[in-house]
Amino acid sequence: GLSAEKSGMDRAQADYMGMLATVINSMALQNALETLG
């Protein structure tokens, strides 16, 4: 989000997009853990 703000994006909008990115990463970790049982 901070990098996007520097390029002209609204900070709040950029931060919400960053939050969605954390969910993608969380799903990847969840999948890896469940693969291991």
PDB file of all heavy atoms in Angstrom:
ATOM      1  N   GLY A   1       0.788  -1.224   0.000  1.00  0.00           N
ATOM      2  CA  GLY A   1       0.000   0.000   0.000  1.00  0.00           C
ATOM      3  C   GLY A   1       0.819   1.272   0.000  1.00  0.00           C
ATOM      4  O   GLY A   1       0.523   2.220  -0.721  1.00  0.00           O
ATOM      5  N   LEU A   2       1.889   1.320   0.813  1.00  0.00           N
ATOM      6  CA  LEU A   2       2.709   2.534   0.898  1.00  0.00           C
ATOM      7  C   LEU A   2       3.367   2.866  -0.435  1.00  0.00           C
ATOM      8  O   LEU A   2       3.441   4.021  -0.836  1.00  0.00           O
ATOM      9  CB  LEU A   2       3.781   2.367   1.981  1.00  0.00           C
ATOM     10  CG  LEU A   2       3.325   2.605   3.430  1.00  0.00           C
ATOM     11  CD1 LEU A   2       4.449   2.245   4.392  1.00  0.00           C
ATOM     12  CD2 LEU A   2       2.888   4.050   3.633  1.00  0.00           C
ATOM     13  N   SER A   3       3.829   1.837  -1.141  1.00  0.00           N
ATOM     14  CA  SER A   3       4.453   2.070  -2.448  1.00  0.00           C
ATOM     15  C   SER A   3       3.439   2.594  -3.447  1.00  0.00           C
ATOM     16  O   SER A   3       3.739   3.477  -4.259  1.00  0.00           O
ATOM     17  CB  SER A   3       5.074   0.772  -2.972  1.00  0.00           C
ATOM     18  OG  SER A   3       6.058   0.297  -2.081  1.00  0.00           O
ATOM     19  N   ALA A   4       2.228   2.052  -3.390  1.00  0.00           N
ATOM     20  CA  ALA A   4       1.180   2.496  -4.309  1.00  0.00           C
ATOM     21  C   ALA A   4       0.791   3.943  -4.028  1.00  0.00           C
ATOM     22  O   ALA A   4       0.518   4.718  -4.950  1.00  0.00           O
ATOM     23  CB  ALA A   4      -0.040   1.585  -4.195  1.00  0.00           C
ATOM     24  N   GLU A   5       0.789   4.319  -2.738  1.00  0.00           N
ATOM     25  CA  GLU A   5       0.458   5.702  -2.381  1.00  0.00           C
ATOM     26  C   GLU A   5       1.470   6.674  -2.987  1.00  0.00           C
ATOM     27  O   GLU A   5       1.110   7.743  -3.490  1.00  0.00           O
ATOM     28  CB  GLU A   5       0.424   5.866  -0.862  1.00  0.00           C
ATOM     29  CG  GLU A   5       0.005   7.271  -0.422  1.00  0.00           C
ATOM     30  CD  GLU A   5       0.314   7.548   1.038  1.00  0.00           C
ATOM     31  OE1 GLU A   5       1.191   6.879   1.601  1.00  0.00           O
ATOM     32  OE2 GLU A   5      -0.325   8.457   1.599  1.00  0.00           O
ATOM     33  N   LYS A   6       2.751   6.302  -2.969  1.00  0.00           N
ATOM     34  CA  LYS A   6       3.792   7.169  -3.508  1.00  0.00           C
ATOM     35  C   LYS A   6       3.631   7.389  -5.005  1.00  0.00           C
ATOM     36  O   LYS A   6       4.084   8.386  -5.548  1.00  0.00           O
ATOM     37  CB  LYS A   6       5.165   6.571  -3.202  1.00  0.00           C
ATOM     38  CG  LYS A   6       5.534   6.649  -1.727  1.00  0.00           C
ATOM     39  CD  LYS A   6       6.845   5.944  -1.442  1.00  0.00           C
ATOM     40  CE  LYS A   6       7.154   5.957   0.059  1.00  0.00           C
ATOM     41  NZ  LYS A   6       8.360   5.158   0.374  1.00  0.00           N
ATOM     42  N   SER A   7       3.002   6.432  -5.686  1.00  0.00           N
ATOM     43  CA  SER A   7       2.801   6.573  -7.128  1.00  0.00           C
ATOM     44  C   SER A   7       1.492   7.279  -7.462  1.00  0.00           C
ATOM     45  O   SER A   7       1.112   7.366  -8.633  1.00  0.00           O
ATOM     46  CB  SER A   7       2.842   5.203  -7.809  1.00  0.00           C
ATOM     47  OG  SER A   7       1.762   4.397  -7.361  1.00  0.00           O
ATOM     48  N   GLY A   8       0.778   7.761  -6.425  1.00  0.00           N
ATOM     49  CA  GLY A   8      -0.403   8.575  -6.669  1.00  0.00           C
ATOM     50  C   GLY A   8      -1.735   7.976  -6.280  1.00  0.00           C
ATOM     51  O   GLY A   8      -2.771   8.618  -6.407  1.00  0.00           O
ATOM     52  N   MET A   9      -1.739   6.733  -5.803  1.00  0.00           N
ATOM     53  CA  MET A   9      -3.000   6.089  -5.418  1.00  0.00           C
ATOM     54  C   MET A   9      -3.469   6.584  -4.055  1.00  0.00           C
ATOM     55  O   MET A   9      -2.656   6.895  -3.182  1.00  0.00           O
ATOM     56  CB  MET A   9      -2.832   4.566  -5.400  1.00  0.00           C
ATOM     57  CG  MET A   9      -4.108   3.806  -5.095  1.00  0.00           C
ATOM     58  SD  MET A   9      -3.893   2.010  -5.195  1.00  0.00           S
ATOM     59  CE  MET A   9      -3.803   1.776  -6.959  1.00  0.00           C
ATOM     60  N   ASP A  10      -4.760   6.663  -3.863  1.00  0.00           N
ATOM     61  CA  ASP A  10      -5.325   7.017  -2.560  1.00  0.00           C
ATOM     62  C   ASP A  10      -4.855   6.007  -1.511  1.00  0.00           C
ATOM     63  O   ASP A  10      -4.930   4.791  -1.731  1.00  0.00           O
ATOM     64  CB  ASP A  10      -6.858   7.006  -2.653  1.00  0.00           C
ATOM     65  CG  ASP A  10      -7.506   7.265  -1.308  1.00  0.00           C
ATOM     66  OD1 ASP A  10      -7.496   8.418  -0.868  1.00  0.00           O
ATOM     67  OD2 ASP A  10      -8.012   6.290  -0.705  1.00  0.00           O
ATOM     68  N   ARG A  11      -4.359   6.493  -0.373  1.00  0.00           N
ATOM     69  CA  ARG A  11      -3.757   5.616   0.633  1.00  0.00           C
ATOM     70  C   ARG A  11      -4.738   4.576   1.168  1.00  0.00           C
ATOM     71  O   ARG A  11      -4.396   3.397   1.313  1.00  0.00           O
ATOM     72  CB  ARG A  11      -3.204   6.460   1.785  1.00  0.00           C
ATOM     73  CG  ARG A  11      -2.723   5.675   3.008  1.00  0.00           C
ATOM     74  CD  ARG A  11      -1.505   4.811   2.717  1.00  0.00           C
ATOM     75  NE  ARG A  11      -1.205   3.917   3.818  1.00  0.00           N
ATOM     76  CZ  ARG A  11      -0.467   4.232   4.881  1.00  0.00           C
ATOM     77  NH1 ARG A  11       0.056   5.443   4.984  1.00  0.00           N
ATOM     78  NH2 ARG A  11      -0.235   3.347   5.821  1.00  0.00           N
ATOM     79  N   ALA A  12      -5.952   4.995   1.478  1.00  0.00           N
ATOM     80  CA  ALA A  12      -6.919   4.038   2.024  1.00  0.00           C
ATOM     81  C   ALA A  12      -7.220   2.935   1.012  1.00  0.00           C
ATOM     82  O   ALA A  12      -7.253   1.746   1.359  1.00  0.00           O
ATOM     83  CB  ALA A  12      -8.199   4.758   2.431  1.00  0.00           C
ATOM     84  N   GLN A  13      -7.420   3.326  -0.245  1.00  0.00           N
ATOM     85  CA  GLN A  13      -7.691   2.341  -1.295  1.00  0.00           C
ATOM     86  C   GLN A  13      -6.511   1.375  -1.443  1.00  0.00           C
ATOM     87  O   GLN A  13      -6.688   0.161  -1.556  1.00  0.00           O
ATOM     88  CB  GLN A  13      -7.946   3.061  -2.630  1.00  0.00           C
ATOM     89  CG  GLN A  13      -8.373   2.147  -3.776  1.00  0.00           C
ATOM     90  CD  GLN A  13      -9.848   1.804  -3.740  1.00  0.00           C
ATOM     91  OE1 GLN A  13     -10.492   1.914  -2.692  1.00  0.00           O
ATOM     92  NE2 GLN A  13     -10.384   1.390  -4.863  1.00  0.00           N
ATOM     93  N   ALA A  14      -5.299   1.927  -1.437  1.00  0.00           N
ATOM     94  CA  ALA A  14      -4.105   1.095  -1.570  1.00  0.00           C
ATOM     95  C   ALA A  14      -3.971   0.123  -0.399  1.00  0.00           C
ATOM     96  O   ALA A  14      -3.603  -1.046  -0.586  1.00  0.00           O
ATOM     97  CB  ALA A  14      -2.867   1.992  -1.656  1.00  0.00           C
ATOM     98  N   ASP A  15      -4.287   0.590   0.806  1.00  0.00           N
ATOM     99  CA  ASP A  15      -4.186  -0.280   1.978  1.00  0.00           C
ATOM    100  C   ASP A  15      -5.199  -1.421   1.923  1.00  0.00           C
ATOM    101  O   ASP A  15      -4.890  -2.559   2.310  1.00  0.00           O
ATOM    102  CB  ASP A  15      -4.377   0.525   3.263  1.00  0.00           C
ATOM    103  CG  ASP A  15      -3.108   1.265   3.669  1.00  0.00           C
ATOM    104  OD1 ASP A  15      -2.079   1.080   2.994  1.00  0.00           O
ATOM    105  OD2 ASP A  15      -3.153   2.028   4.658  1.00  0.00           O
ATOM    106  N   TYR A  16      -6.402  -1.131   1.451  1.00  0.00           N
ATOM    107  CA  TYR A  16      -7.395  -2.211   1.312  1.00  0.00           C
ATOM    108  C   TYR A  16      -6.927  -3.253   0.300  1.00  0.00           C
ATOM    109  O   TYR A  16      -7.118  -4.461   0.488  1.00  0.00           O
ATOM    110  CB  TYR A  16      -8.750  -1.638   0.892  1.00  0.00           C
ATOM    111  CG  TYR A  16      -9.543  -1.053   2.048  1.00  0.00           C
ATOM    112  CD1 TYR A  16      -9.925   0.287   2.056  1.00  0.00           C
ATOM    113  CD2 TYR A  16      -9.916  -1.848   3.136  1.00  0.00           C
ATOM    114  CE1 TYR A  16     -10.641   0.834   3.117  1.00  0.00           C
ATOM    115  CE2 TYR A  16     -10.634  -1.315   4.195  1.00  0.00           C
ATOM    116  CZ  TYR A  16     -10.996   0.018   4.186  1.00  0.00           C
ATOM    117  OH  TYR A  16     -11.699   0.553   5.250  1.00  0.00           O
ATOM    118  N   MET A  17      -6.303  -2.798  -0.778  1.00  0.00           N
ATOM    119  CA  MET A  17      -5.757  -3.743  -1.756  1.00  0.00           C
ATOM    120  C   MET A  17      -4.661  -4.596  -1.119  1.00  0.00           C
ATOM    121  O   MET A  17      -4.566  -5.803  -1.369  1.00  0.00           O
ATOM    122  CB  MET A  17      -5.214  -2.980  -2.965  1.00  0.00           C
ATOM    123  CG  MET A  17      -6.303  -2.304  -3.786  1.00  0.00           C
ATOM    124  SD  MET A  17      -5.660  -1.173  -5.039  1.00  0.00           S
ATOM    125  CE  MET A  17      -4.910  -2.328  -6.186  1.00  0.00           C
ATOM    126  N   GLY A  18      -3.841  -3.971  -0.269  1.00  0.00           N
ATOM    127  CA  GLY A  18      -2.815  -4.717   0.447  1.00  0.00           C
ATOM    128  C   GLY A  18      -3.404  -5.764   1.378  1.00  0.00           C
ATOM    129  O   GLY A  18      -2.864  -6.862   1.526  1.00  0.00           O
ATOM    130  N   MET A  19      -4.542  -5.431   2.000  1.00  0.00           N
ATOM    131  CA  MET A  19      -5.216  -6.396   2.879  1.00  0.00           C
ATOM    132  C   MET A  19      -5.662  -7.631   2.095  1.00  0.00           C
ATOM    133  O   MET A  19      -5.556  -8.770   2.575  1.00  0.00           O
ATOM    134  CB  MET A  19      -6.419  -5.753   3.557  1.00  0.00           C
ATOM    135  CG  MET A  19      -6.071  -4.713   4.605  1.00  0.00           C
ATOM    136  SD  MET A  19      -7.576  -3.966   5.276  1.00  0.00           S
ATOM    137  CE  MET A  19      -7.065  -2.255   5.405  1.00  0.00           C
ATOM    138  N   LEU A  20      -6.145  -7.414   0.886  1.00  0.00           N
ATOM    139  CA  LEU A  20      -6.559  -8.546   0.055  1.00  0.00           C
ATOM    140  C   LEU A  20      -5.355  -9.417  -0.305  1.00  0.00           C
ATOM    141  O   LEU A  20      -5.465 -10.649  -0.370  1.00  0.00           O
ATOM    142  CB  LEU A  20      -7.243  -8.045  -1.215  1.00  0.00           C
ATOM    143  CG  LEU A  20      -8.535  -7.240  -1.012  1.00  0.00           C
ATOM    144  CD1 LEU A  20      -9.127  -6.830  -2.352  1.00  0.00           C
ATOM    145  CD2 LEU A  20      -9.556  -8.024  -0.207  1.00  0.00           C
ATOM    146  N   ALA A  21      -4.200  -8.777  -0.494  1.00  0.00           N
ATOM    147  CA  ALA A  21      -2.984  -9.532  -0.781  1.00  0.00           C
ATOM    148  C   ALA A  21      -2.622 -10.437   0.393  1.00  0.00           C
ATOM    149  O   ALA A  21      -2.170 -11.578   0.207  1.00  0.00           O
ATOM    150  CB  ALA A  21      -1.832  -8.579  -1.097  1.00  0.00           C
ATOM    151  N   THR A  22      -2.837  -9.966   1.621  1.00  0.00           N
ATOM    152  CA  THR A  22      -2.518 -10.801   2.789  1.00  0.00           C
ATOM    153  C   THR A  22      -3.428 -12.026   2.850  1.00  0.00           C
ATOM    154  O   THR A  22      -3.010 -13.083   3.315  1.00  0.00           O
ATOM    155  CB  THR A  22      -2.643 -10.021   4.119  1.00  0.00           C
ATOM    156  OG1 THR A  22      -4.013  -9.765   4.420  1.00  0.00           O
ATOM    157  CG2 THR A  22      -1.861  -8.717   4.074  1.00  0.00           C
ATOM    158  N   VAL A  23      -4.664 -11.875   2.369  1.00  0.00           N
ATOM    159  CA  VAL A  23      -5.580 -13.026   2.366  1.00  0.00           C
ATOM    160  C   VAL A  23      -5.100 -14.073   1.365  1.00  0.00           C
ATOM    161  O   VAL A  23      -5.157 -15.277   1.623  1.00  0.00           O
ATOM    162  CB  VAL A  23      -7.026 -12.577   2.069  1.00  0.00           C
ATOM    163  CG1 VAL A  23      -7.949 -13.779   1.962  1.00  0.00           C
ATOM    164  CG2 VAL A  23      -7.521 -11.640   3.162  1.00  0.00           C
ATOM    165  N   ILE A  24      -4.612 -13.630   0.207  1.00  0.00           N
ATOM    166  CA  ILE A  24      -4.069 -14.566  -0.779  1.00  0.00           C
ATOM    167  C   ILE A  24      -2.910 -15.357  -0.163  1.00  0.00           C
ATOM    168  O   ILE A  24      -2.844 -16.589  -0.277  1.00  0.00           O
ATOM    169  CB  ILE A  24      -3.610 -13.812  -2.045  1.00  0.00           C
ATOM    170  CG1 ILE A  24      -4.815 -13.227  -2.780  1.00  0.00           C
ATOM    171  CG2 ILE A  24      -2.811 -14.731  -2.974  1.00  0.00           C
ATOM    172  CD1 ILE A  24      -4.454 -12.307  -3.939  1.00  0.00           C
ATOM    173  N   ASN A  25      -1.991 -14.658   0.501  1.00  0.00           N
ATOM    174  CA  ASN A  25      -0.869 -15.334   1.152  1.00  0.00           C
ATOM    175  C   ASN A  25      -1.333 -16.274   2.256  1.00  0.00           C
ATOM    176  O   ASN A  25      -0.792 -17.372   2.434  1.00  0.00           O
ATOM    177  CB  ASN A  25       0.100 -14.299   1.724  1.00  0.00           C
ATOM    178  CG  ASN A  25       0.931 -13.617   0.659  1.00  0.00           C
ATOM    179  OD1 ASN A  25       1.106 -14.135  -0.434  1.00  0.00           O
ATOM    180  ND2 ASN A  25       1.446 -12.441   0.976  1.00  0.00           N
ATOM    181  N   SER A  26      -2.332 -15.835   3.009  1.00  0.00           N
ATOM    182  CA  SER A  26      -2.867 -16.676   4.089  1.00  0.00           C
ATOM    183  C   SER A  26      -3.475 -17.956   3.536  1.00  0.00           C
ATOM    184  O   SER A  26      -3.311 -19.037   4.127  1.00  0.00           O
ATOM    185  CB  SER A  26      -3.922 -15.894   4.879  1.00  0.00           C
ATOM    186  OG  SER A  26      -3.355 -14.766   5.509  1.00  0.00           O
ATOM    187  N   MET A  27      -4.145 -17.849   2.403  1.00  0.00           N
ATOM    188  CA  MET A  27      -4.732 -19.038   1.774  1.00  0.00           C
ATOM    189  C   MET A  27      -3.644 -19.993   1.298  1.00  0.00           C
ATOM    190  O   MET A  27      -3.786 -21.218   1.392  1.00  0.00           O
ATOM    191  CB  MET A  27      -5.626 -18.617   0.601  1.00  0.00           C
ATOM    192  CG  MET A  27      -6.894 -17.888   1.030  1.00  0.00           C
ATOM    193  SD  MET A  27      -7.847 -17.259  -0.382  1.00  0.00           S
ATOM    194  CE  MET A  27      -8.450 -18.800  -1.095  1.00  0.00           C
ATOM    195  N   ALA A  28      -2.534 -19.442   0.806  1.00  0.00           N
ATOM    196  CA  ALA A  28      -1.418 -20.290   0.368  1.00  0.00           C
ATOM    197  C   ALA A  28      -0.829 -21.052   1.548  1.00  0.00           C
ATOM    198  O   ALA A  28      -0.537 -22.254   1.454  1.00  0.00           O
ATOM    199  CB  ALA A  28      -0.341 -19.432  -0.310  1.00  0.00           C
ATOM    200  N   LEU A  29      -0.653 -20.365   2.686  1.00  0.00           N
ATOM    201  CA  LEU A  29      -0.127 -21.026   3.881  1.00  0.00           C
ATOM    202  C   LEU A  29      -1.118 -22.047   4.412  1.00  0.00           C
ATOM    203  O   LEU A  29      -0.731 -23.150   4.822  1.00  0.00           O
ATOM    204  CB  LEU A  29       0.198 -19.987   4.952  1.00  0.00           C
ATOM    205  CG  LEU A  29       0.745 -20.536   6.268  1.00  0.00           C
ATOM    206  CD1 LEU A  29       2.068 -21.277   6.041  1.00  0.00           C
ATOM    207  CD2 LEU A  29       0.947 -19.411   7.288  1.00  0.00           C
ATOM    208  N   GLN A  30      -2.393 -21.698   4.401  1.00  0.00           N
ATOM    209  CA  GLN A  30      -3.428 -22.639   4.847  1.00  0.00           C
ATOM    210  C   GLN A  30      -3.391 -23.908   4.008  1.00  0.00           C
ATOM    211  O   GLN A  30      -3.450 -25.023   4.531  1.00  0.00           O
ATOM    212  CB  GLN A  30      -4.805 -21.974   4.748  1.00  0.00           C
ATOM    213  CG  GLN A  30      -5.935 -22.892   5.214  1.00  0.00           C
ATOM    214  CD  GLN A  30      -7.308 -22.248   5.063  1.00  0.00           C
ATOM    215  OE1 GLN A  30      -7.573 -21.572   4.061  1.00  0.00           O
ATOM    216  NE2 GLN A  30      -8.169 -22.441   6.042  1.00  0.00           N
ATOM    217  N   ASN A  31      -3.277 -23.751   2.693  1.00  0.00           N
ATOM    218  CA  ASN A  31      -3.234 -24.906   1.804  1.00  0.00           C
ATOM    219  C   ASN A  31      -2.027 -25.785   2.106  1.00  0.00           C
ATOM    220  O   ASN A  31      -2.130 -27.021   2.155  1.00  0.00           O
ATOM    221  CB  ASN A  31      -3.189 -24.433   0.350  1.00  0.00           C
ATOM    222  CG  ASN A  31      -3.110 -25.593  -0.627  1.00  0.00           C
ATOM    223  OD1 ASN A  31      -4.079 -26.291  -0.862  1.00  0.00           O
ATOM    224  ND2 ASN A  31      -1.934 -25.803  -1.195  1.00  0.00           N
ATOM    225  N   ALA A  32      -0.867 -25.159   2.327  1.00  0.00           N
ATOM    226  CA  ALA A  32       0.347 -25.934   2.631  1.00  0.00           C
ATOM    227  C   ALA A  32       0.197 -26.707   3.933  1.00  0.00           C
ATOM    228  O   ALA A  32       0.580 -27.880   4.021  1.00  0.00           O
ATOM    229  CB  ALA A  32       1.555 -24.996   2.698  1.00  0.00           C
ATOM    230  N   LEU A  33      -0.364 -26.073   4.947  1.00  0.00           N
ATOM    231  CA  LEU A  33      -0.562 -26.743   6.235  1.00  0.00           C
ATOM    232  C   LEU A  33      -1.535 -27.916   6.105  1.00  0.00           C
ATOM    233  O   LEU A  33      -1.292 -28.999   6.649  1.00  0.00           O
ATOM    234  CB  LEU A  33      -1.078 -25.739   7.271  1.00  0.00           C
ATOM    235  CG  LEU A  33      -0.040 -24.752   7.820  1.00  0.00           C
ATOM    236  CD1 LEU A  33      -0.725 -23.573   8.494  1.00  0.00           C
ATOM    237  CD2 LEU A  33       0.898 -25.452   8.800  1.00  0.00           C
ATOM    238  N   GLU A  34      -2.620 -27.705   5.378  1.00  0.00           N
ATOM    239  CA  GLU A  34      -3.617 -28.768   5.248  1.00  0.00           C
ATOM    240  C   GLU A  34      -3.102 -29.911   4.381  1.00  0.00           C
ATOM    241  O   GLU A  34      -3.509 -31.058   4.555  1.00  0.00           O
ATOM    242  CB  GLU A  34      -4.920 -28.181   4.714  1.00  0.00           C
ATOM    243  CG  GLU A  34      -5.571 -27.254   5.744  1.00  0.00           C
ATOM    244  CD  GLU A  34      -6.947 -26.754   5.358  1.00  0.00           C
ATOM    245  OE1 GLU A  34      -7.291 -26.824   4.160  1.00  0.00           O
ATOM    246  OE2 GLU A  34      -7.668 -26.278   6.264  1.00  0.00           O
ATOM    247  N   THR A  35      -2.197 -29.613   3.451  1.00  0.00           N
ATOM    248  CA  THR A  35      -1.535 -30.660   2.680  1.00  0.00           C
ATOM    249  C   THR A  35      -0.753 -31.591   3.604  1.00  0.00           C
ATOM    250  O   THR A  35      -0.638 -32.790   3.359  1.00  0.00           O
ATOM    251  CB  THR A  35      -0.570 -30.038   1.637  1.00  0.00           C
ATOM    252  OG1 THR A  35      -1.328 -29.238   0.731  1.00  0.00           O
ATOM    253  CG2 THR A  35       0.168 -31.114   0.851  1.00  0.00           C
ATOM    254  N   LEU A  36      -0.243 -31.020   4.697  1.00  0.00           N
ATOM    255  CA  LEU A  36       0.521 -31.799   5.682  1.00  0.00           C
ATOM    256  C   LEU A  36      -0.370 -32.423   6.752  1.00  0.00           C
ATOM    257  O   LEU A  36       0.127 -33.035   7.698  1.00  0.00           O
ATOM    258  CB  LEU A  36       1.560 -30.901   6.354  1.00  0.00           C
ATOM    259  CG  LEU A  36       2.636 -30.293   5.441  1.00  0.00           C
ATOM    260  CD1 LEU A  36       3.500 -29.310   6.217  1.00  0.00           C
ATOM    261  CD2 LEU A  36       3.493 -31.381   4.808  1.00  0.00           C
ATOM    262  N   GLY A  37      -1.682 -32.236   6.620  1.00  0.00           N
ATOM    263  CA  GLY A  37      -2.605 -32.835   7.578  1.00  0.00           C
ATOM    264  C   GLY A  37      -2.864 -32.017   8.822  1.00  0.00           C
ATOM    265  O   GLY A  37      -3.365 -32.541   9.823  1.00  0.00           O
TER     266      GLY A  37
END
